[in-house]
Protein backbone atom coordinates (compact mmCIF):
# COMPACT_ATOMS: atom_id res chain seq x y z
CA MET A 1 6.19 -15.08 -15.67
CA ARG A 2 6.36 -15.64 -19.43
CA ALA A 3 2.62 -16.32 -19.55
CA LEU A 4 1.98 -13.12 -17.61
CA LEU A 5 4.12 -10.88 -19.82
CA ALA A 6 2.52 -12.39 -22.93
CA HIS A 7 -0.52 -10.23 -22.14
CA ARG A 8 -0.13 -6.88 -23.87
CA ASP A 9 -2.38 -5.03 -21.41
CA VAL A 10 -0.37 -6.37 -18.47
CA ARG A 11 2.86 -5.03 -19.97
CA ILE A 12 1.32 -1.62 -20.58
CA SER A 13 -0.21 -1.45 -17.10
CA LEU A 14 3.07 -2.39 -15.40
CA ALA A 15 4.97 0.17 -17.49
CA GLY A 16 2.52 2.84 -16.36
CA GLN A 17 2.92 1.88 -12.71
CA VAL A 18 6.71 1.93 -12.90
CA LEU A 19 6.79 5.27 -14.71
CA SER A 20 4.39 6.93 -12.29
CA THR A 21 6.07 5.47 -9.19
CA LEU A 22 9.52 6.60 -10.28
CA GLY A 23 8.32 10.19 -10.67
CA ASP A 24 6.29 10.09 -7.46
CA ASN A 25 9.02 8.70 -5.21
CA ALA A 26 11.63 11.09 -6.56
CA LEU A 27 9.36 14.09 -5.98
CA TRP A 28 8.17 13.09 -2.49
CA ILE A 29 11.73 12.96 -1.19
CA ALA A 30 12.71 16.12 -3.03
CA LEU A 31 9.79 18.13 -1.63
CA GLY A 32 10.84 17.38 1.94
CA ILE A 33 14.41 18.39 1.14
CA TRP A 34 13.16 21.51 -0.63
CA ILE A 35 11.20 22.63 2.45
CA LYS A 36 14.29 22.00 4.58
CA MET A 37 16.32 24.19 2.21
CA LEU A 38 13.72 26.97 2.30
CA THR A 39 13.10 26.97 6.06
CA GLY A 40 16.05 25.23 7.72
CA SER A 41 13.47 23.32 9.79
CA SER A 42 13.35 19.53 9.99
CA PRO A 43 9.83 19.50 11.55
CA ALA A 44 8.60 21.69 8.68
CA ALA A 45 10.08 19.21 6.21
CA GLY A 46 8.51 16.26 8.03
CA LEU A 47 5.11 17.96 7.97
CA SER A 48 5.00 17.52 4.20
CA PHE A 49 4.85 13.73 4.65
CA PHE A 50 2.16 14.15 7.30
CA MET A 51 0.08 16.16 4.83
CA PHE A 52 0.43 13.38 2.27
CA THR A 53 -0.80 10.82 4.82
CA ALA A 54 -3.69 13.09 5.85
CA GLY A 55 -4.75 13.31 2.21
CA SER A 56 -4.79 9.55 1.87
CA LEU A 57 -7.32 9.30 4.72
CA VAL A 58 -10.05 10.84 2.55
CA SER A 59 -9.37 8.63 -0.47
CA PRO A 60 -12.28 6.20 0.22
CA ALA A 61 -14.63 8.83 -1.18
CA GLY A 62 -12.55 8.66 -4.36
CA GLY A 63 -12.82 4.88 -4.24
CA LEU A 64 -16.57 5.25 -4.62
CA VAL A 65 -16.04 7.44 -7.68
CA VAL A 66 -13.75 4.75 -9.14
CA ASP A 67 -16.43 2.10 -8.60
CA ARG A 68 -18.95 4.23 -10.47
CA CYS A 69 -16.73 4.55 -13.58
CA ARG A 70 -15.00 2.34 -16.07
CA ARG A 71 -11.45 2.04 -14.74
CA ARG A 72 -9.41 2.70 -17.89
CA PRO A 73 -10.93 6.11 -18.71
CA ALA A 74 -10.94 6.91 -15.00
CA LEU A 75 -7.17 6.32 -14.84
CA VAL A 76 -6.62 8.51 -17.89
CA ALA A 77 -8.55 11.36 -16.26
CA LEU A 78 -6.98 10.84 -12.81
CA ASN A 79 -3.42 10.89 -14.14
CA LEU A 80 -4.07 14.06 -16.12
CA LEU A 81 -5.65 15.65 -13.04
CA ALA A 82 -2.61 14.67 -10.96
CA ALA A 83 -0.33 16.39 -13.50
CA VAL A 84 -2.39 19.59 -13.17
CA LEU A 85 -2.34 19.26 -9.38
CA LEU A 86 1.46 19.69 -9.37
CA THR A 87 1.47 23.04 -11.18
CA PRO A 88 1.08 25.22 -8.01
CA LEU A 89 4.57 24.05 -7.02
CA LEU A 90 5.94 26.17 -9.87
CA LEU A 91 4.79 29.26 -7.93
CA VAL A 92 6.91 28.52 -4.86
CA ARG A 93 9.59 31.19 -4.49
CA GLY A 94 10.52 31.23 -0.82
CA ARG A 95 9.70 30.38 2.77
CA GLY A 96 6.33 32.14 2.64
CA ASP A 97 5.12 29.84 -0.14
CA ILE A 98 5.63 26.49 1.57
CA TRP A 99 1.88 26.30 2.25
CA LEU A 100 1.55 25.57 -1.46
CA ILE A 101 3.81 22.53 -1.02
CA TYR A 102 1.67 21.32 1.90
CA ALA A 103 -1.53 21.80 -0.11
CA VAL A 104 -0.11 19.88 -3.06
CA MET A 105 1.10 17.07 -0.79
CA PHE A 106 -2.39 16.76 0.71
CA GLY A 107 -3.90 16.57 -2.76
CA TYR A 108 -1.17 14.15 -3.78
CA GLY A 109 -2.19 11.88 -0.91
CA VAL A 110 -5.80 11.91 -2.08
CA MET A 111 -4.82 11.20 -5.69
CA ALA A 112 -2.36 8.44 -4.75
CA GLY A 113 -5.08 6.52 -2.91
CA VAL A 114 -7.65 6.96 -5.66
CA ILE A 115 -5.24 6.12 -8.50
CA GLY A 116 -4.03 3.10 -6.53
CA GLY A 117 -7.60 1.88 -6.09
CA ALA A 118 -8.34 2.34 -9.79
CA GLN A 119 -5.12 0.54 -10.73
CA THR A 120 -5.90 -2.41 -8.44
CA ALA A 121 -9.40 -2.65 -9.91
CA LEU A 122 -8.06 -2.45 -13.47
CA THR A 123 -5.51 -5.19 -12.70
CA GLN A 124 -8.39 -7.37 -11.54
CA ALA A 125 -10.08 -6.77 -14.93
CA ILE A 126 -7.12 -7.37 -17.26
CA VAL A 127 -5.18 -10.14 -15.52
CA PRO A 128 -6.46 -13.73 -15.64
CA ARG A 129 -7.48 -14.97 -12.20
CA GLU A 130 -4.76 -17.58 -12.00
CA LEU A 131 -2.07 -14.97 -12.70
CA LEU A 132 -3.05 -12.37 -10.09
CA GLY A 133 -0.40 -13.61 -7.68
CA GLU A 134 2.27 -13.40 -10.36
CA VAL A 135 1.39 -9.85 -11.40
CA ASN A 136 1.30 -8.65 -7.79
CA ALA A 137 4.68 -10.24 -7.12
CA LEU A 138 6.21 -8.73 -10.25
CA SER A 139 4.74 -5.33 -9.41
CA GLN A 140 6.21 -5.45 -5.91
CA THR A 141 9.60 -6.48 -7.25
CA LEU A 142 9.68 -3.56 -9.67
CA LEU A 143 8.40 -1.04 -7.12
CA GLN A 144 10.86 -2.17 -4.47
CA GLY A 145 13.65 -1.86 -7.00
CA LEU A 146 12.60 1.73 -7.64
CA ARG A 147 12.94 2.41 -3.92
CA LEU A 148 16.67 1.90 -4.28
CA VAL A 149 17.14 4.55 -6.95
CA SER A 150 14.27 7.05 -6.77
CA PRO A 151 15.40 8.87 -3.57
CA LEU A 152 18.86 9.35 -5.11
CA ILE A 153 17.30 10.58 -8.34
CA GLY A 154 15.04 13.02 -6.51
CA ALA A 155 17.75 14.44 -4.25
CA GLY A 156 20.29 14.51 -7.08
CA LEU A 157 18.01 16.31 -9.53
CA LEU A 158 16.95 18.82 -6.87
CA THR A 159 20.59 19.68 -6.24
CA ALA A 160 21.60 19.69 -9.90
CA VAL A 161 18.70 21.44 -11.64
CA GLY A 162 16.41 22.74 -8.88
CA ALA A 163 12.84 21.93 -7.92
CA ARG A 164 10.91 23.24 -10.91
CA PRO A 165 12.38 20.91 -13.56
CA LEU A 166 11.76 18.03 -11.15
CA VAL A 167 8.11 19.08 -10.77
CA LEU A 168 7.68 19.30 -14.53
CA GLY A 169 9.33 15.90 -14.91
CA ASP A 170 6.91 14.28 -12.47
CA ALA A 171 3.96 15.95 -14.20
CA ALA A 172 5.24 14.51 -17.47
CA THR A 173 5.25 10.99 -15.98
CA PHE A 174 1.54 11.39 -15.16
CA VAL A 175 0.79 12.55 -18.70
CA LEU A 176 2.75 9.65 -20.19
CA CYS A 177 0.97 7.22 -17.85
CA ALA A 178 -2.39 8.60 -19.04
CA GLY A 179 -1.22 7.99 -22.62
CA LEU A 180 -0.32 4.40 -21.80
CA MET A 181 -3.77 3.84 -20.28
CA CYS A 182 -5.28 4.98 -23.59
CA LEU A 183 -3.44 2.11 -25.32
CA LEU A 184 -5.10 -0.59 -23.22
CA ALA A 185 -7.44 -2.88 -25.13
CA VAL A 186 -9.51 -3.96 -22.11
CA ARG A 187 -13.28 -3.90 -22.59
CA GLU A 188 -15.24 -2.78 -19.54
CA ASP A 189 -18.97 -2.81 -18.98
CA ARG A 190 -20.56 0.38 -17.74
CA PRO A 191 -21.15 0.07 -13.96
CA GLU A 192 -24.75 -0.63 -13.03
CA ARG A 193 -26.80 2.02 -11.27
CA THR A 194 -27.41 1.43 -7.58
CA THR A 195 -30.26 2.32 -5.25
CA GLU A 196 -28.09 2.12 -2.13
CA ARG A 197 -27.99 5.13 0.15
CA MET A 198 -24.86 7.27 -0.05
CA TRP A 199 -23.57 6.24 3.40
CA SER A 200 -24.03 2.60 2.48
CA GLN A 201 -22.05 3.16 -0.71
CA LEU A 202 -19.24 5.05 1.06
CA THR A 203 -18.80 2.36 3.70
CA GLY A 204 -19.13 -0.51 1.23
CA GLY A 205 -15.42 -1.29 1.19
CA VAL A 206 -15.10 -1.56 4.97
CA ARG A 207 -18.21 -3.69 5.27
CA HIS A 208 -17.05 -6.03 2.53
CA ILE A 209 -13.74 -6.53 4.35
CA ALA A 210 -15.61 -7.25 7.56
CA GLY A 211 -17.92 -9.72 5.82
CA VAL A 212 -15.26 -11.92 4.18
CA PRO A 213 -13.52 -13.91 6.96
CA VAL A 214 -10.17 -14.56 5.29
CA LEU A 215 -9.88 -10.97 4.06
CA ARG A 216 -10.91 -9.60 7.44
CA ARG A 217 -8.33 -11.76 9.19
CA LEU A 218 -5.45 -10.81 6.90
CA VAL A 219 -6.28 -7.10 6.97
CA ALA A 220 -6.53 -7.14 10.78
CA ALA A 221 -3.19 -8.96 11.10
CA THR A 222 -1.52 -6.56 8.71
CA ALA A 223 -3.06 -3.69 10.65
CA LEU A 224 -1.47 -4.98 13.85
CA ALA A 225 1.85 -5.42 12.12
CA ILE A 226 1.90 -1.86 10.78
CA VAL A 227 2.34 -0.58 14.31
CA GLY A 228 5.74 -2.27 14.36
CA PHE A 229 6.62 -0.85 10.96
CA GLY A 230 5.58 2.61 12.16
CA PHE A 231 7.96 2.37 15.11
CA SER A 232 10.78 1.39 12.75
CA GLU A 233 10.64 4.77 10.97
CA THR A 234 12.23 6.33 14.07
CA VAL A 235 14.10 3.36 15.50
CA VAL A 236 16.28 2.94 12.40
CA PHE A 237 18.17 6.15 13.24
CA ALA A 238 18.87 4.89 16.77
CA VAL A 239 19.99 1.50 15.42
CA ALA A 240 22.52 3.23 13.19
CA GLY A 241 23.71 5.77 15.76
CA GLN A 242 23.40 4.16 19.20
CA GLY A 243 23.56 0.51 18.21
CA LEU A 244 26.27 0.57 15.54
CA HIS A 245 27.85 3.95 16.36
CA ARG A 246 27.59 5.03 12.74
CA ALA A 247 26.88 8.41 11.16
CA PRO A 248 23.24 9.25 10.29
CA SER A 249 24.08 8.72 6.62
CA PHE A 250 24.45 4.97 7.36
CA VAL A 251 20.64 4.82 7.38
CA GLY A 252 20.94 4.98 3.59
CA VAL A 253 22.98 1.76 3.65
CA LEU A 254 20.33 0.11 5.80
CA ASP A 255 17.60 1.24 3.41
CA SER A 256 19.54 -0.28 0.52
CA ALA A 257 19.88 -3.60 2.36
CA GLN A 258 16.15 -3.57 3.02
CA GLY A 259 15.49 -2.89 -0.66
CA VAL A 260 17.68 -5.81 -1.72
CA GLY A 261 15.78 -8.14 0.61
CA ALA A 262 12.49 -6.90 -0.78
CA ILE A 263 13.57 -7.48 -4.39
CA VAL A 264 14.70 -11.05 -3.68
CA ALA A 265 11.45 -11.85 -1.87
CA GLY A 266 9.39 -10.22 -4.61
CA VAL A 267 10.95 -12.52 -7.18
CA LEU A 268 10.10 -15.58 -5.06
CA ALA A 269 6.68 -14.43 -3.81
CA ALA A 270 4.47 -15.91 -6.52
CA ARG A 271 6.17 -19.31 -6.29
CA LEU A 272 5.91 -19.32 -2.50
CA MET A 273 2.24 -18.37 -2.60
CA ARG A 274 1.45 -21.24 -4.97
CA ARG A 275 3.09 -23.67 -2.55
CA LEU A 276 1.89 -22.20 0.76
CA GLY A 277 -1.34 -20.33 0.03
CA GLU A 278 -2.05 -16.68 0.79
CA ALA A 279 -2.66 -16.93 4.55
CA ALA A 280 0.46 -19.02 5.15
CA MET A 281 2.57 -16.58 3.14
CA VAL A 282 1.30 -13.66 5.23
CA THR A 283 2.25 -15.67 8.32
CA LEU A 284 5.72 -16.31 6.89
CA GLY A 285 6.16 -12.64 6.03
CA LEU A 286 5.21 -11.55 9.55
CA VAL A 287 7.61 -14.04 11.15
CA VAL A 288 10.46 -13.01 8.84
CA CYS A 289 9.87 -9.33 9.62
CA GLY A 290 9.71 -10.05 13.35
CA ALA A 291 13.00 -11.94 13.19
CA GLY A 292 14.54 -9.06 11.27
CA PHE A 293 13.51 -6.52 13.93
CA ALA A 294 14.99 -8.76 16.65
CA LEU A 295 18.35 -8.90 14.82
CA ASN A 296 18.45 -5.09 14.67
CA ALA A 297 19.11 -5.09 18.41
CA VAL A 298 22.47 -6.85 17.98
CA PRO A 299 25.39 -4.35 17.96
CA LEU A 300 27.10 -5.93 14.94
CA THR A 301 26.89 -4.35 11.49
CA ALA A 302 26.64 -7.65 9.60
CA VAL A 303 23.81 -8.89 11.83
CA VAL A 304 21.87 -5.63 11.53
CA LEU A 305 22.26 -5.66 7.74
CA LEU A 306 20.85 -9.19 7.73
CA GLY A 307 18.03 -8.03 9.98
CA VAL A 308 16.95 -5.12 7.77
CA ALA A 309 17.21 -7.38 4.71
CA LEU A 310 14.80 -9.80 6.42
CA VAL A 311 12.39 -6.95 7.17
CA GLY A 312 12.61 -6.00 3.52
CA ALA A 313 12.01 -9.61 2.46
CA GLY A 314 9.00 -10.11 4.69
CA THR A 315 7.17 -7.00 3.53
CA PRO A 316 6.42 -8.01 -0.10
CA LEU A 317 5.33 -11.46 1.07
CA ILE A 318 2.62 -9.79 3.16
CA VAL A 319 1.67 -7.24 0.49
CA VAL A 320 1.47 -9.70 -2.42
CA ALA A 321 -0.65 -12.18 -0.48
CA LEU A 322 -3.02 -9.53 0.85
CA LEU A 323 -3.46 -7.90 -2.57
CA THR A 324 -4.15 -11.25 -4.20
CA VAL A 325 -6.74 -12.24 -1.60
CA MET A 326 -8.36 -8.82 -1.94
CA GLN A 327 -8.59 -9.09 -5.74
CA ARG A 328 -9.80 -12.69 -5.76
CA ARG A 329 -12.45 -12.25 -3.08
CA THR A 330 -13.85 -8.84 -3.95
CA PRO A 331 -16.46 -8.25 -6.67
CA ALA A 332 -15.38 -5.75 -9.32
CA ARG A 333 -18.13 -3.31 -8.34
CA LEU A 334 -16.49 -2.87 -4.90
CA MET A 335 -12.80 -3.08 -5.78
CA GLY A 336 -12.03 0.65 -5.67
CA ARG A 337 -13.69 1.11 -2.28
CA VAL A 338 -12.08 -1.98 -0.78
CA ASP A 339 -8.60 -0.95 -1.93
CA THR A 340 -8.91 2.60 -0.60
CA ALA A 341 -10.43 1.32 2.67
CA VAL A 342 -7.42 -0.93 3.21
CA GLY A 343 -5.19 2.06 2.46
CA VAL A 344 -6.82 4.08 5.23
CA MET A 345 -6.60 1.16 7.64
CA ILE A 346 -2.88 1.21 6.97
CA SER A 347 -2.19 4.94 6.94
CA ALA A 348 -3.94 5.87 10.17
CA PRO A 349 -2.16 3.46 12.57
CA GLN A 350 1.13 3.87 10.74
CA THR A 351 1.03 7.63 11.22
CA ALA A 352 0.12 7.25 14.89
CA ALA A 353 2.87 4.66 15.41
CA ILE A 354 5.52 6.95 13.95
CA GLY A 355 4.60 9.68 16.45
CA VAL A 356 4.33 7.30 19.42
CA GLY A 357 7.61 5.61 18.48
CA ALA A 358 9.43 8.95 18.41
CA ALA A 359 8.05 9.80 21.86
CA LEU A 360 8.85 6.39 23.38
CA LEU A 361 12.36 6.22 21.96
CA SER A 362 13.74 8.75 24.44
CA VAL A 363 11.97 7.03 27.35
CA VAL A 364 12.50 3.29 26.91
CA GLY A 365 15.38 3.05 24.43
CA PHE A 366 15.51 1.54 20.97
CA ARG A 367 16.12 -2.07 22.04
CA ALA A 368 12.93 -2.11 24.11
CA LEU A 369 11.04 -0.78 21.09
CA LEU A 370 12.61 -3.44 18.87
CA ALA A 371 11.45 -6.10 21.36
CA ALA A 372 7.92 -4.66 21.27
CA MET A 373 8.01 -4.60 17.46
CA THR A 374 9.12 -8.23 17.35
CA VAL A 375 6.37 -9.33 19.73
CA THR A 376 3.77 -7.37 17.74
CA LEU A 377 4.75 -9.02 14.44
CA LEU A 378 4.83 -12.51 15.96
CA ALA A 379 1.44 -11.94 17.64
CA ALA A 380 0.01 -10.98 14.25
CA ALA A 381 1.51 -14.16 12.75
CA VAL A 382 -0.06 -16.30 15.48
CA TYR A 383 -3.42 -14.62 14.87
CA VAL A 384 -3.28 -15.45 11.16
CA ARG A 385 -2.13 -19.00 11.80
CA VAL A 386 -4.77 -19.79 14.41
CA GLY A 387 -7.48 -18.17 12.30
CA ALA A 388 -6.42 -20.19 9.24
CA ARG A 389 -6.87 -23.42 11.21
CA ASP A 390 -10.24 -22.42 12.63
CA GLU A 391 -11.79 -21.11 9.42
CA VAL A 392 -12.53 -23.11 6.28
CA VAL A 393 -13.09 -20.89 3.28
CA ASP A 394 -14.45 -22.93 0.38
CA GLY A 395 -14.84 -20.31 -2.32
CA GLU A 396 -13.82 -16.96 -3.70
CA VAL A 397 -15.45 -13.94 -5.29
CA VAL A 398 -14.88 -13.10 -8.91
CA ASP A 399 -16.81 -10.08 -10.12
CA GLY A 400 -19.49 -10.91 -7.60
CA ALA A 401 -20.05 -14.51 -8.74
CA GLY A 402 -20.17 -16.80 -5.73
CA VAL A 403 -18.15 -20.00 -5.76
CA GLY A 404 -18.66 -22.44 -2.92
CA GLY A 405 -18.83 -20.30 0.20
CA ALA A 406 -18.09 -17.03 -1.56
CA VAL A 407 -19.95 -13.73 -1.61
CA ALA A 408 -22.76 -13.86 -4.15
CA GLU A 409 -23.64 -11.05 -6.55
CA GLY A 410 -26.29 -8.69 -5.33
CA ALA A 411 -25.62 -9.37 -1.67
CA GLY A 412 -24.90 -5.75 -1.00
CA VAL A 413 -22.08 -4.94 1.35
CA GLY A 414 -22.87 -6.24 4.78
CA GLY A 415 -25.32 -8.85 3.47
CA ALA A 416 -26.44 -11.75 5.65
CA VAL A 417 -23.95 -14.57 5.94
CA VAL A 418 -25.35 -18.00 5.20
CA GLY A 419 -23.15 -21.09 5.45
CA GLY A 420 -19.87 -19.19 5.20
CA GLY A 421 -21.02 -17.00 2.29
CA VAL A 422 -23.35 -14.10 1.67
CA ALA A 423 -26.85 -14.91 0.53
CA ASP A 424 -27.93 -13.38 -2.76
CA GLY A 425 -30.12 -10.34 -2.31
CA ALA A 426 -29.47 -9.92 1.41
CA GLY A 427 -29.33 -6.19 0.92
CA ALA A 428 -27.22 -3.45 2.44
CA ASP A 429 -29.12 -3.59 5.73
CA GLY A 430 -28.48 -7.31 6.29
CA VAL A 431 -26.51 -8.74 9.19
CA VAL A 432 -22.92 -9.90 8.91
CA ALA A 433 -22.43 -12.89 11.15
CA GLY A 434 -19.30 -12.57 13.21
CA ALA A 435 -18.15 -9.40 11.46
CA VAL A 436 -15.27 -7.79 13.27
CA GLY A 437 -13.92 -4.42 12.20
CA PRO A 438 -10.23 -4.46 11.35
CA GLY A 439 -8.08 -3.23 14.17
CA GLY A 440 -5.70 -1.06 12.18
CA GLY A 441 -3.71 -1.17 8.94
CA ILE A 442 -0.48 -1.96 6.95
CA LEU A 443 1.43 -1.84 3.69
């Protein structure tokens, strides 16, 4: 950790992420509460989060823009654009103006995906290869810690000072983050021009994921797992009410326990990954989450608190390992598209699972759903474990430079696989041997 924080650019980048995330999380919660206050409707409030998710589904187009720019100036421009995007919220006066909130949330979803892709790509550029696991673990620890306080900050500020000061505060965090990006000393080469067709460029991230076996396997497993996490968004209320006979406000206690578990695991993630490897840590995270969901079925408060803490602990293990594999095995020219593609693979099934879980809850009961969630997570763990035994991956990708069986520069997404890697110059129309599209998403 000391070696990581010795890098000035790493400290600046992490500070920008923390600042932006604090403002974002506080505002997202507050906007839902604000709609509830204006309309009295819970479905109307929930629709704001749906609009955010819908916006994130179109972010891969932004990922292409990121890959065609130098990442530092792109982040400066994107953060300033996000600050401007929030200004229509200042015009909201009553129930008839909530469409402005929905429009902003949609745009927010687009910007979150694009900024996230640019940030992941910039991290790949400024962090030494051997420290990528450490920076991802530290980032997850900080972001999970913010989850404990940002909802309280958002709801508290909305009640104390109203929505408009909160909007201006979040806009200020974007402006400050843009200023921090200006301080980075990273030197980036101008991206090379490409002769690929537009469709080939847009789908480059998905085809790269499909063409790298270990990345494909981990994304597919995480995609399967996200179905269980989607169910949990609804099940947690039934666990608190029907299982523990507690008031709805007890969900806040459960969220806090989950946050504590996530922070502890985030601190240990880099060390675990060095000992186990990325695939094994994803397997561990899936098993821990599955065990946590199973414990939620027990009608004892202490056991349920342990269960949600385990779910919280397993999540950063999965995220850190997947991010690290993605950064190490993706050439810089594709990083923005790969990151946003993974985001879509997560958002789509998660959104569907939330809706299906809400519908099934009244039919089969929450314990049956918890059993299904546990089986889903364990099945994903078995898939990763079996795949790790059957596949031998000899190399990695660093800015497109093949090492061992890695993807070689110039292969073009979807290039022909030769001996476990991608042959140089295979071209965008080549054949990916054994490519399987990911079955869904997570994180």
